[in-house]
Amino acid sequence: MSEEEAPKFDRGSALSIFGSDRREDFMALVFALLLAFWVYVTN
């Protein structure tokens, strides 16, 4: 299979508000940790 025939996958990055996937992943981690901390504190 040559380069032209290789399947190309769109990862959906056009919908992201962040410039890079790494920043998006980091912000998702921070949000999840803040949410978990908030649930821990309020219960």
Protein backbone atom coordinates (compact mmCIF):
# COMPACT_ATOMS: atom_id res chain seq x y z
CA MET A 1 0.00 0.00 0.00
CA SER A 2 1.53 3.30 -1.05
CA GLU A 3 1.39 6.63 0.77
CA GLU A 4 -1.53 7.86 -1.34
CA GLU A 5 -3.60 4.77 -0.59
CA ALA A 6 -3.03 4.81 3.17
CA PRO A 7 -6.23 5.63 5.04
CA LYS A 8 -6.26 9.04 6.68
CA PHE A 9 -8.15 9.52 9.91
CA ASP A 10 -9.60 12.83 10.98
CA ARG A 11 -9.20 13.12 14.74
CA GLY A 12 -11.77 15.88 15.06
CA SER A 13 -9.22 18.48 16.14
CA ALA A 14 -11.03 21.19 14.16
CA LEU A 15 -13.64 21.37 16.93
CA SER A 16 -11.10 21.96 19.66
CA ILE A 17 -10.69 25.41 21.20
CA PHE A 18 -7.07 24.60 22.04
CA GLY A 19 -4.12 24.83 19.70
CA SER A 20 -2.66 21.46 20.60
CA ASP A 21 -3.90 18.08 21.73
CA ARG A 22 -1.45 18.10 24.63
CA ARG A 23 -2.91 21.34 26.03
CA GLU A 24 -6.42 19.99 25.59
CA ASP A 25 -5.53 16.79 27.46
CA PHE A 26 -3.85 18.77 30.25
CA MET A 27 -6.84 21.08 30.69
CA ALA A 28 -9.21 18.08 30.75
CA LEU A 29 -7.07 16.52 33.49
CA VAL A 30 -7.08 19.74 35.53
CA PHE A 31 -10.85 20.06 35.15
CA ALA A 32 -11.37 16.44 36.23
CA LEU A 33 -9.16 16.91 39.29
CA LEU A 34 -10.96 20.12 40.27
CA LEU A 35 -14.33 18.43 39.85
CA ALA A 36 -13.23 15.43 41.92
CA PHE A 37 -11.88 17.74 44.64
CA TRP A 38 -15.14 19.72 44.70
CA VAL A 39 -17.19 16.51 45.05
CA TYR A 40 -14.88 15.31 47.83
CA VAL A 41 -15.15 18.58 49.76
CA THR A 42 -18.91 19.03 49.47
CA ASN A 43 -19.78 15.50 50.62
